[in-house]
N, C-alpha and C. Protein backbone atom coordinates (compact mmCIF):
# COMPACT_ATOMS: atom_id res chain seq x y z
N MET A 1 67.58 50.14 91.99
CA MET A 1 68.81 50.53 92.66
C MET A 1 68.50 50.94 94.10
N ALA A 2 69.19 50.38 95.02
CA ALA A 2 68.93 50.62 96.44
C ALA A 2 69.73 51.84 96.92
N VAL A 3 69.12 52.61 97.80
CA VAL A 3 69.77 53.78 98.40
C VAL A 3 70.28 53.37 99.78
N ARG A 4 71.50 53.72 100.08
CA ARG A 4 72.09 53.38 101.37
C ARG A 4 71.72 54.45 102.39
N ARG A 5 70.83 54.11 103.30
CA ARG A 5 70.36 55.06 104.29
C ARG A 5 71.45 55.47 105.27
N GLY A 6 72.29 54.57 105.66
CA GLY A 6 73.33 54.89 106.64
C GLY A 6 74.21 56.03 106.17
N PHE A 7 74.56 56.03 104.90
CA PHE A 7 75.41 57.08 104.36
C PHE A 7 74.67 58.41 104.33
N THR A 8 73.42 58.40 103.93
CA THR A 8 72.63 59.62 103.83
C THR A 8 72.45 60.27 105.19
N LEU A 9 72.19 59.49 106.22
CA LEU A 9 71.97 60.04 107.54
C LEU A 9 73.26 60.50 108.20
N SER A 10 74.36 59.86 107.91
CA SER A 10 75.61 60.22 108.57
C SER A 10 76.33 61.38 107.88
N LEU A 11 75.97 61.70 106.66
CA LEU A 11 76.64 62.78 105.95
C LEU A 11 76.52 64.12 106.67
N PRO A 12 75.34 64.55 107.13
CA PRO A 12 75.27 65.82 107.86
C PRO A 12 76.11 65.81 109.13
N LEU A 13 76.14 64.68 109.82
CA LEU A 13 76.95 64.59 111.04
C LEU A 13 78.42 64.70 110.71
N LEU A 14 78.84 64.09 109.61
CA LEU A 14 80.23 64.17 109.18
C LEU A 14 80.60 65.60 108.83
N MET A 15 79.69 66.30 108.18
CA MET A 15 79.96 67.69 107.79
C MET A 15 80.09 68.58 109.01
N ILE A 16 79.27 68.35 110.03
CA ILE A 16 79.36 69.13 111.25
C ILE A 16 80.67 68.85 111.97
N ALA A 17 81.07 67.61 112.02
CA ALA A 17 82.30 67.22 112.71
C ALA A 17 83.52 67.84 112.06
N CYS A 18 83.48 68.09 110.75
CA CYS A 18 84.62 68.64 110.04
C CYS A 18 84.66 70.16 110.08
N ALA A 19 83.61 70.79 110.54
CA ALA A 19 83.56 72.25 110.57
C ALA A 19 84.56 72.77 111.59
N THR A 20 85.26 73.82 111.22
CA THR A 20 86.21 74.44 112.13
C THR A 20 85.81 75.88 112.34
N THR A 21 86.20 76.42 113.44
CA THR A 21 85.91 77.82 113.74
C THR A 21 87.21 78.60 113.62
N ALA A 22 87.22 79.57 112.73
CA ALA A 22 88.40 80.41 112.55
C ALA A 22 88.53 81.34 113.74
N PRO A 23 89.77 81.69 114.12
CA PRO A 23 89.92 82.63 115.23
C PRO A 23 89.31 83.97 114.85
N GLU A 24 88.76 84.63 115.84
CA GLU A 24 88.14 85.93 115.59
C GLU A 24 89.22 86.94 115.26
N GLU A 25 89.11 87.54 114.10
CA GLU A 25 90.10 88.50 113.67
C GLU A 25 89.75 89.89 114.21
N PRO A 26 90.72 90.59 114.75
CA PRO A 26 90.45 91.93 115.27
C PRO A 26 89.93 92.83 114.15
N GLN A 27 89.10 93.75 114.51
CA GLN A 27 88.53 94.68 113.55
C GLN A 27 88.95 96.11 113.89
N TYR A 28 88.75 97.00 112.92
CA TYR A 28 88.98 98.42 113.10
C TYR A 28 88.12 98.90 114.25
N GLN A 29 88.67 99.68 115.14
CA GLN A 29 87.91 100.20 116.27
C GLN A 29 88.12 101.70 116.37
N GLU A 30 87.08 102.38 116.85
CA GLU A 30 87.17 103.83 117.00
C GLU A 30 86.38 104.24 118.23
N ARG A 31 86.95 105.17 119.00
CA ARG A 31 86.26 105.71 120.16
C ARG A 31 85.54 106.98 119.75
N GLU A 32 84.65 107.43 120.62
CA GLU A 32 83.92 108.66 120.36
C GLU A 32 84.87 109.84 120.23
N ALA A 33 84.56 110.70 119.28
CA ALA A 33 85.36 111.92 119.13
C ALA A 33 85.14 112.78 120.36
N GLY A 34 86.13 113.50 120.72
CA GLY A 34 86.00 114.36 121.89
C GLY A 34 87.25 115.20 122.04
N ALA A 35 87.95 114.99 123.11
CA ALA A 35 89.16 115.75 123.39
C ALA A 35 90.25 115.41 122.38
N ASP A 36 91.44 115.79 122.68
CA ASP A 36 92.61 115.65 121.80
C ASP A 36 92.79 114.24 121.28
N HIS A 37 92.74 113.23 122.12
CA HIS A 37 92.94 111.83 121.77
C HIS A 37 94.27 111.57 121.07
N ALA A 38 95.31 112.29 121.47
CA ALA A 38 96.64 112.03 120.91
C ALA A 38 97.13 110.68 121.42
N CYS A 39 97.67 109.89 120.53
CA CYS A 39 98.15 108.55 120.84
C CYS A 39 99.49 108.59 121.56
N ASP A 40 99.65 107.72 122.55
CA ASP A 40 100.93 107.54 123.23
C ASP A 40 101.14 106.04 123.44
N ALA A 41 102.02 105.44 122.65
CA ALA A 41 102.25 103.99 122.71
C ALA A 41 103.45 103.63 123.59
N SER A 42 104.05 104.61 124.25
CA SER A 42 105.27 104.34 125.02
C SER A 42 105.04 103.34 126.15
N GLY A 43 103.89 103.32 126.75
CA GLY A 43 103.62 102.39 127.84
C GLY A 43 103.00 101.08 127.40
N LEU A 44 102.90 100.86 126.10
CA LEU A 44 102.22 99.67 125.58
C LEU A 44 103.15 98.59 125.07
N GLN A 45 104.44 98.83 125.04
CA GLN A 45 105.37 97.90 124.42
C GLN A 45 105.42 96.56 125.15
N GLY A 46 105.02 96.52 126.39
CA GLY A 46 104.96 95.28 127.15
C GLY A 46 103.85 94.34 126.66
N HIS A 47 102.96 94.85 125.80
CA HIS A 47 101.87 94.04 125.27
C HIS A 47 102.28 93.28 124.00
N ILE A 48 103.47 93.56 123.48
CA ILE A 48 103.97 92.80 122.33
C ILE A 48 104.16 91.36 122.80
N GLY A 49 103.67 90.42 122.01
CA GLY A 49 103.71 89.02 122.38
C GLY A 49 102.37 88.51 122.90
N HIS A 50 101.47 89.44 123.22
CA HIS A 50 100.13 89.05 123.66
C HIS A 50 99.27 88.69 122.44
N THR A 51 98.16 88.04 122.67
CA THR A 51 97.25 87.65 121.60
C THR A 51 96.41 88.84 121.15
N ALA A 52 96.29 88.99 119.84
CA ALA A 52 95.48 90.07 119.25
C ALA A 52 94.02 89.65 119.23
N THR A 53 93.20 90.31 120.04
CA THR A 53 91.77 90.05 120.10
C THR A 53 91.03 91.38 120.13
N VAL A 54 89.74 91.32 119.97
CA VAL A 54 88.93 92.53 120.06
C VAL A 54 89.09 93.14 121.45
N ARG A 55 89.10 92.30 122.46
CA ARG A 55 89.25 92.79 123.84
C ARG A 55 90.61 93.42 124.07
N SER A 56 91.69 92.79 123.60
CA SER A 56 93.02 93.37 123.79
C SER A 56 93.14 94.68 123.02
N GLY A 57 92.49 94.76 121.87
CA GLY A 57 92.50 96.01 121.11
C GLY A 57 91.81 97.13 121.85
N ALA A 58 90.70 96.83 122.49
CA ALA A 58 89.98 97.84 123.27
C ALA A 58 90.82 98.33 124.44
N ILE A 59 91.53 97.41 125.07
CA ILE A 59 92.40 97.78 126.18
C ILE A 59 93.54 98.66 125.70
N LEU A 60 94.19 98.27 124.59
CA LEU A 60 95.29 99.06 124.04
C LEU A 60 94.82 100.45 123.62
N LEU A 61 93.66 100.52 123.03
CA LEU A 61 93.10 101.79 122.60
C LEU A 61 92.88 102.71 123.80
N GLU A 62 92.32 102.15 124.85
CA GLU A 62 92.06 102.93 126.06
C GLU A 62 93.37 103.40 126.70
N LEU A 63 94.34 102.49 126.82
CA LEU A 63 95.61 102.84 127.46
C LEU A 63 96.42 103.85 126.65
N SER A 64 96.28 103.82 125.33
CA SER A 64 97.06 104.73 124.48
C SER A 64 96.50 106.14 124.44
N GLY A 65 95.21 106.28 124.72
CA GLY A 65 94.57 107.59 124.61
C GLY A 65 94.16 107.92 123.19
N ALA A 66 94.44 107.03 122.25
CA ALA A 66 94.10 107.27 120.84
C ALA A 66 92.60 107.16 120.61
N ARG A 67 92.14 107.71 119.51
CA ARG A 67 90.73 107.63 119.14
C ARG A 67 90.48 106.46 118.20
N VAL A 68 91.48 106.09 117.38
CA VAL A 68 91.31 105.07 116.35
C VAL A 68 92.35 103.98 116.55
N LEU A 69 91.91 102.72 116.39
CA LEU A 69 92.82 101.58 116.42
C LEU A 69 92.84 100.95 115.03
N ARG A 70 94.03 100.81 114.48
CA ARG A 70 94.19 100.15 113.17
C ARG A 70 94.96 98.85 113.38
N TRP A 71 94.30 97.73 113.06
CA TRP A 71 94.95 96.42 113.11
C TRP A 71 95.65 96.18 111.77
N VAL A 72 96.86 95.63 111.81
CA VAL A 72 97.60 95.31 110.59
C VAL A 72 97.91 93.82 110.58
N PRO A 73 97.14 93.06 109.78
CA PRO A 73 97.40 91.62 109.67
C PRO A 73 98.73 91.36 108.94
N PRO A 74 99.23 90.14 109.00
CA PRO A 74 100.48 89.82 108.32
C PRO A 74 100.38 90.04 106.81
N ARG A 75 101.48 90.48 106.23
CA ARG A 75 101.59 90.69 104.77
C ARG A 75 100.56 91.67 104.22
N THR A 76 100.25 92.71 104.99
CA THR A 76 99.27 93.69 104.58
C THR A 76 99.94 95.05 104.39
N ALA A 77 99.66 95.69 103.28
CA ALA A 77 100.15 97.04 103.04
C ALA A 77 99.21 98.03 103.71
N VAL A 78 99.77 99.05 104.31
CA VAL A 78 98.96 100.09 104.94
C VAL A 78 99.44 101.46 104.47
N THR A 79 98.56 102.43 104.59
CA THR A 79 98.92 103.79 104.20
C THR A 79 99.95 104.34 105.18
N MET A 80 100.77 105.24 104.71
CA MET A 80 101.82 105.82 105.55
C MET A 80 101.43 107.20 106.06
N ASP A 81 100.18 107.59 105.87
CA ASP A 81 99.75 108.90 106.37
C ASP A 81 99.83 108.90 107.90
N TYR A 82 100.22 110.03 108.46
CA TYR A 82 100.37 110.12 109.90
C TYR A 82 99.11 110.70 110.52
N ARG A 83 98.58 110.00 111.50
CA ARG A 83 97.42 110.48 112.25
C ARG A 83 97.78 110.43 113.73
N PRO A 84 97.86 111.57 114.38
CA PRO A 84 98.26 111.59 115.79
C PRO A 84 97.25 110.91 116.72
N ASP A 85 96.04 110.68 116.24
CA ASP A 85 95.01 110.06 117.07
C ASP A 85 94.83 108.56 116.80
N ARG A 86 95.78 107.95 116.06
CA ARG A 86 95.63 106.54 115.66
C ARG A 86 96.70 105.65 116.27
N LEU A 87 96.27 104.52 116.82
CA LEU A 87 97.15 103.48 117.32
C LEU A 87 97.18 102.37 116.28
N THR A 88 98.37 101.94 115.88
CA THR A 88 98.51 100.87 114.90
C THR A 88 99.12 99.65 115.58
N VAL A 89 98.43 98.51 115.45
CA VAL A 89 98.88 97.27 116.09
C VAL A 89 99.02 96.20 115.01
N SER A 90 100.23 95.68 114.85
CA SER A 90 100.50 94.62 113.87
C SER A 90 100.53 93.28 114.58
N TYR A 91 100.07 92.23 113.88
CA TYR A 91 100.10 90.89 114.46
C TYR A 91 100.50 89.88 113.39
N ASP A 92 100.92 88.68 113.83
CA ASP A 92 101.40 87.66 112.89
C ASP A 92 100.32 86.61 112.60
N ASP A 93 100.69 85.57 111.89
CA ASP A 93 99.74 84.51 111.51
C ASP A 93 99.13 83.79 112.70
N ASP A 94 99.79 83.82 113.82
CA ASP A 94 99.31 83.16 115.02
C ASP A 94 98.51 84.09 115.93
N MET A 95 98.16 85.28 115.40
CA MET A 95 97.41 86.30 116.13
C MET A 95 98.19 86.84 117.33
N VAL A 96 99.50 86.89 117.21
CA VAL A 96 100.36 87.41 118.26
C VAL A 96 100.80 88.82 117.87
N ILE A 97 100.64 89.77 118.78
CA ILE A 97 101.00 91.16 118.52
C ILE A 97 102.51 91.26 118.35
N THR A 98 102.93 91.88 117.23
CA THR A 98 104.36 91.99 116.93
C THR A 98 104.87 93.43 116.96
N ARG A 99 103.95 94.41 116.86
CA ARG A 99 104.37 95.82 116.82
C ARG A 99 103.22 96.70 117.27
N ILE A 100 103.54 97.73 118.06
CA ILE A 100 102.55 98.70 118.52
C ILE A 100 103.15 100.08 118.33
N SER A 101 102.46 100.93 117.57
CA SER A 101 102.98 102.28 117.33
C SER A 101 101.83 103.26 117.11
N CYS A 102 102.15 104.52 117.16
CA CYS A 102 101.16 105.57 116.89
C CYS A 102 101.35 106.08 115.47
N GLY A 103 100.32 106.69 114.97
CA GLY A 103 100.41 107.29 113.63
C GLY A 103 99.54 106.65 112.70
């Protein structure tokens, strides 16, 4: 029985060509503990509609004054406990920010 070399050599190339890279999902972020770090999201509402990325999260965290950033992916349940030092950012399936709030 003969082995087809062309198929064997092209299979790894085919597998590489089909590989896709998933968008980088934002992660939980936290700044160093220190001062009050009370969250203020009032000046952040203009960021709704922007893309949710690690970089945009760091910017929102800095602008809000919060210590903790909580990302909320679509269709995800989150705790309702209130934390004055936490910024919560929700995004949709397209990684677009849909809601920004404190707590």
